[in-house]
Amino acid sequence: MNELDYNSIKRKIESQKCAEHNQNPQFIKTSKGFEIKACCENFRSQLVKKAEKIIADETQKAIEKMMKKYS
């Protein structure tokens, strides 16, 4: 299966700003998945949920693309 587009995911996450601290997060791809560094735990928790949804969407797109290729 094709690798997920982590650059797209990174752009979507790093474009967010903390409402409380007006800071941008840092998205880091790791060998086990990803890590998000943020100014506070509340913002980081929100971003983790958002990243999980984005990754699920990207995975769905990759599967659909692969299925079209083989059908």
Protein backbone atom coordinates (compact mmCIF):
# COMPACT_ATOMS: atom_id res chain seq x y z
CA MET A 1 0.00 0.00 0.00
CA ASN A 2 1.18 3.51 -0.72
CA GLU A 3 2.54 5.52 2.15
CA LEU A 4 0.26 8.20 3.57
CA ASP A 5 0.97 11.79 2.56
CA TYR A 6 2.45 12.96 5.85
CA ASN A 7 3.37 16.33 4.33
CA SER A 8 -0.31 17.04 3.73
CA ILE A 9 -1.18 15.92 7.27
CA LYS A 10 1.67 18.03 8.66
CA ARG A 11 0.46 21.15 6.82
CA LYS A 12 -3.11 20.67 8.08
CA ILE A 13 -1.99 20.23 11.70
CA GLU A 14 0.70 22.91 11.74
CA SER A 15 -1.70 25.49 10.29
CA GLN A 16 -3.76 25.35 13.51
CA LYS A 17 -3.28 27.95 16.27
CA CYS A 18 -3.88 27.58 19.97
CA ALA A 19 -6.76 29.87 20.96
CA GLU A 20 -5.24 30.44 24.38
CA HIS A 21 -1.52 30.90 23.53
CA ASN A 22 -1.65 31.84 19.81
CA GLN A 23 1.05 29.24 19.06
CA ASN A 24 1.37 26.77 16.19
CA PRO A 25 2.04 23.09 16.89
CA GLN A 26 4.85 20.96 15.49
CA PHE A 27 3.97 17.69 13.70
CA ILE A 28 6.73 15.07 13.71
CA LYS A 29 6.58 11.81 11.76
CA THR A 30 8.17 8.97 13.73
CA SER A 31 8.88 5.32 13.00
CA LYS A 32 5.83 4.42 15.12
CA GLY A 33 3.48 7.00 13.60
CA PHE A 34 3.55 10.65 14.59
CA GLU A 35 4.06 13.02 17.49
CA ILE A 36 2.55 16.45 18.02
CA LYS A 37 4.31 19.06 20.11
CA ALA A 38 2.10 21.90 21.29
CA CYS A 39 2.16 24.75 23.78
CA CYS A 40 -0.33 23.09 26.14
CA GLU A 41 -1.89 19.67 26.75
CA ASN A 42 -5.42 20.83 25.95
CA PHE A 43 -4.39 22.03 22.47
CA ARG A 44 -2.29 18.90 21.89
CA SER A 45 -5.24 16.66 22.77
CA GLN A 46 -7.45 18.50 20.29
CA LEU A 47 -4.79 18.15 17.60
CA VAL A 48 -4.30 14.43 18.22
CA LYS A 49 -8.03 13.88 17.66
CA LYS A 50 -7.93 16.03 14.52
CA ALA A 51 -4.82 14.19 13.23
CA GLU A 52 -6.48 10.81 13.80
CA LYS A 53 -9.45 11.92 11.70
CA ILE A 54 -7.19 13.31 8.95
CA ILE A 55 -5.16 10.09 8.90
CA ALA A 56 -8.34 8.00 8.71
CA ASP A 57 -9.50 10.10 5.75
CA GLU A 58 -6.09 9.83 4.04
CA THR A 59 -6.08 6.06 4.60
CA GLN A 60 -9.55 5.78 3.07
CA LYS A 61 -8.40 7.77 0.02
CA ALA A 62 -5.31 5.56 -0.37
CA ILE A 63 -7.43 2.38 -0.17
CA GLU A 64 -9.94 3.72 -2.71
CA LYS A 65 -7.10 4.70 -5.06
CA MET A 66 -5.55 1.25 -4.70
CA MET A 67 -8.89 -0.48 -5.33
CA LYS A 68 -9.50 1.57 -8.49
CA LYS A 69 -6.04 0.63 -9.70
CA TYR A 70 -6.79 -3.09 -9.37
CA SER A 71 -10.39 -3.08 -10.60
